[in-house]
Every structure is written in C-alpha cells, then in structure tokens.
Amino acid sequence: MSGCSGCSFKGLSTAVEDSFVGVRFHEETNLTLCATQGAIYAQGDRVLVEVDKGLAYGRVERSPMTVFKPCQKTSAKKVTRRATAQDDQAYDRQMSNQVQGKLFCQQRSSKLGLEMKVSRVDFSLDARHATFYFTANGRVDFRQLVRDLAQRFKVRVKMVQIGARDEAALLGGIGICGETLCCSTWLKEFQPISISMAKRQNLSLNPSKISGQCGRLLCCLAYENDQYERPARQRKPSSQPRSKNPAILRGEPRKRRSGDGARRGSKRAGRS
C-alpha cells in the first residue's frame, strides 16, 4: 500500500472499510489502495484502475482493505470496472510487448554503440505509450534509438535515465537481511550514506557486507546512526574555557598580587 504523503493526523486506525480494496499491478511488492466507488470486488478479481497514465490492469489481493490514515483515502486510486476478456488479451499483449521491447532496445543500443543498460520497459494497456528506463554513466544520445523503437512498436516512446538506487527500487528484490528492499516498499527518499556510519557502528568494512543490491552502501546504515553519534558527542571535551577570569580569556599574562613574593620567601626560609 502506498505510504502517507504527510498529514496532521498522528493516530492509527484499524478500520476496515468495504469501499477500499488492495490491488497489485504486475509483480509489484506493494498493494495499491483503491476505491471501489460502491462496487463489491472479491479477492482474485481482475479489475481496471484509473492511474496517471490511463487505465492499468490489476488483481485484487485484499478485500476489504485496511485504511490506516485519513489522507490515504484522498490519494486512493479509483477502480473503473471489472476486466473483460478483451482486457485480458490486452494485458497479455502488454506483457509480450514489454519483454520484446526490452530485448529489442538492448540489441539496438548495442548496435548503435550506446553505453547504457536497459532496466525496465513499461507499455500502456492500450499500446499507445511506452517508457524505457535505463542507467548510464553519462549522457546518452538516444535520438536514433527512439526513432527505431517508435517505428518497431508504433508507440510514443519516452526514455528515462535513472540512478543505481532508483533501479533497485524499480526492480525490487531481497536484501541481505532476508526482507524485501526498503526502497521498493516504503523508503521514498534517499539520504547520503558514508563509510563513517559503518565504522561508528563497528560493522565489517567488507563491501559485500555493507553494500546493497544497487552496489551502493546500505541505506539501513543510517537508521541507527543517531544512536551511535549521541554517546560520541557526550565523550567529546567541552569547547568552553574552564577559567572565568576575563584577563585570562583575553590572553593577558596573569598578574602577581602584592605580598606573593614575601609569602614565597617566608616558605623557603622555613624549609631551610
């Protein structure tokens, strides 16, 4: 289920409402909260959902769906109707186009000498639009590639260059902890990760132990970093000067008081 985009409601509700269901698109990890608009859908039903790019084909995985925060109701997608036999055929054609599109894009980019890696291809259900996600070290001139793709599949092509972490979030997977990747489930914003976080937590500096599927440092290194930074700050010596004498704070030499020499002389005489 999609996460909360931020609201003033701080409590949690375990209310289960009949007007919301959980729909899974393709093989995505998360369930998408969808409003049924009064209709009743059972688990396993094929439905069409209205999304930003048009209609999407999905499968009801949870009915009814638990709503945790009120703001999720406003951001819920709308279920248009049940899928028909024609929709099932369109979905099969969509999956076939995505497999063929990725293979064709890889072959053409190799022949054109483009240094890029095709990560994922998404075709719309009506076979009018296609989005190609790829990674590359620098800028890529893919104008000829776009023309070849448009001519081959008769669609409007959009090329999107993503980073290594975005690719892992897009494809999903299992981390070294045995759980699904945080970036593909709930983590939406990436924060800078440094090797000092692993050193501070006394972790192994072996790259295979502290690197994720994307090849970068694990995002979870930052989860408990604050707990290790607080004791380190408390052990640091205070930067405030101990003396409160204004003259010493200004760097002036300490002045001897009258009688100091006489007292020191009397002490020496007593020792002798």
Foldseek 3Di string as FASTA:
>chain_A
DADDPDDPDDFWDQDFDQQWFWKDADPAPGTAIEGAPPDGDDFQFWFWWQDPVGIGITGTHGGGDTDTDPRSVVVGIYTDGTDDPVLVVLVVVQVVCFVVLQVVLVVVCVVVVWAKAWQGKGADSVQAEIETEIEDPDDTDCPVVQVVSCVVSVHRYHYHYDALLVSCLVVWDAWPVRHIACSVYHDPDADDDDVVLCVLVVHDPDQVVQATPSSHGDSCSPVCSVVSVVVVVVPDDDPDDPDPDPCVVVVHDDDDDPPPVVVVVVVVVVVD
